[in-house]
Protein backbone atom coordinates (compact mmCIF):
# COMPACT_ATOMS: atom_id res chain seq x y z
CA UNK A 1 -10.59 123.92 27.28
CA UNK A 2 -13.67 124.32 25.49
CA UNK A 3 -15.74 120.68 26.24
CA UNK A 4 -18.65 117.62 23.63
CA UNK A 5 -20.72 115.68 25.38
CA UNK A 6 -21.28 113.20 21.38
CA UNK A 7 -23.97 110.22 21.93
CA UNK A 8 -20.94 106.87 20.25
CA UNK A 9 -22.18 103.95 17.56
CA UNK A 10 -23.31 101.92 21.14
CA UNK A 11 -25.12 105.15 22.72
CA UNK A 12 -23.02 105.62 25.18
CA UNK A 13 -21.56 109.39 25.85
CA UNK A 14 -18.01 110.41 24.99
CA UNK A 15 -16.08 113.15 25.46
CA UNK A 16 -14.57 115.38 23.10
CA UNK A 17 -11.98 118.40 25.06
CA UNK A 18 -10.66 121.08 23.08
CA UNK A 19 -9.00 124.57 22.95
CA UNK A 20 -10.29 127.71 23.38
CA UNK A 21 -9.73 129.36 19.99
CA UNK A 22 -11.13 125.69 17.72
CA UNK A 23 -15.35 126.52 17.12
CA UNK A 24 -17.66 123.90 19.19
CA UNK A 25 -19.23 123.71 15.58
CA UNK A 26 -16.70 123.11 13.71
CA UNK A 27 -15.29 120.38 16.54
CA UNK A 28 -18.54 118.64 15.99
CA UNK A 29 -18.04 118.64 12.01
CA UNK A 30 -14.44 116.93 13.04
CA UNK A 31 -15.94 113.73 15.29
CA UNK A 32 -17.89 110.05 13.26
CA UNK A 33 -20.95 110.66 15.68
CA UNK A 34 -23.81 112.20 14.82
CA UNK A 35 -25.23 113.26 18.31
CA UNK A 36 -24.14 115.57 20.43
CA UNK A 37 -25.47 115.71 24.34
CA UNK A 38 -23.78 118.34 26.11
CA UNK A 39 -21.34 120.89 25.39
CA UNK A 40 -19.92 124.08 27.29
CA UNK A 41 -16.19 124.98 29.13
CA UNK A 42 -14.23 122.78 31.09
CA UNK A 43 -11.86 123.75 33.74
CA UNK A 44 -9.48 121.76 35.46
CA UNK A 45 -7.72 122.90 38.93
CA UNK A 46 -6.64 121.53 41.61
CA UNK A 47 -8.33 117.73 40.60
CA UNK A 48 -11.25 118.95 40.47
CA UNK A 49 -14.00 119.66 36.97
CA UNK A 50 -16.14 122.06 36.43
CA UNK A 51 -18.36 122.37 33.78
CA UNK A 52 -20.73 125.43 32.66
CA UNK A 53 -22.33 127.09 29.72
CA UNK A 54 -23.21 126.95 27.08
CA UNK A 55 -23.42 127.28 22.73
CA UNK A 56 -26.39 128.81 21.30
CA UNK A 57 -25.73 127.37 17.85
CA UNK A 58 -25.57 123.98 18.60
CA UNK A 59 -28.26 124.46 20.84
CA UNK A 60 -26.15 123.21 23.80
CA UNK A 61 -25.27 123.49 27.32
CA UNK A 62 -23.40 122.44 30.12
CA UNK A 63 -25.00 119.76 32.65
CA UNK A 64 -24.86 118.40 35.31
CA UNK A 65 -23.36 114.81 34.85
CA UNK A 66 -20.86 116.75 32.47
CA UNK A 67 -18.17 116.40 34.44
CA UNK A 68 -18.56 112.45 35.66
CA UNK A 69 -17.86 111.81 32.42
CA UNK A 70 -14.94 113.13 31.48
CA UNK A 71 -13.67 112.94 35.76
CA UNK A 72 -14.22 109.01 34.50
CA UNK A 73 -12.68 109.00 30.88
CA UNK A 74 -9.31 110.68 31.94
CA UNK A 75 -8.74 107.89 34.66
CA UNK A 76 -6.37 105.52 34.21
CA UNK A 77 -7.42 102.38 33.70
């Protein structure tokens, strides 16, 4: 899967996960937030999340803390 982490209107990071066949730039155009904080690819395997990669068109890359942002977002509340 691919992902983008956007900054919401209150300044908080919000992750969006989407299929590999969708371009990062196309997904970015569909989201209501203006600031892209990070993005790349995400793999989930045996309860472990791995974020990696980059997108030159949007000038973004995966960051070490992206994994924590996505994990927190996926937890049950």
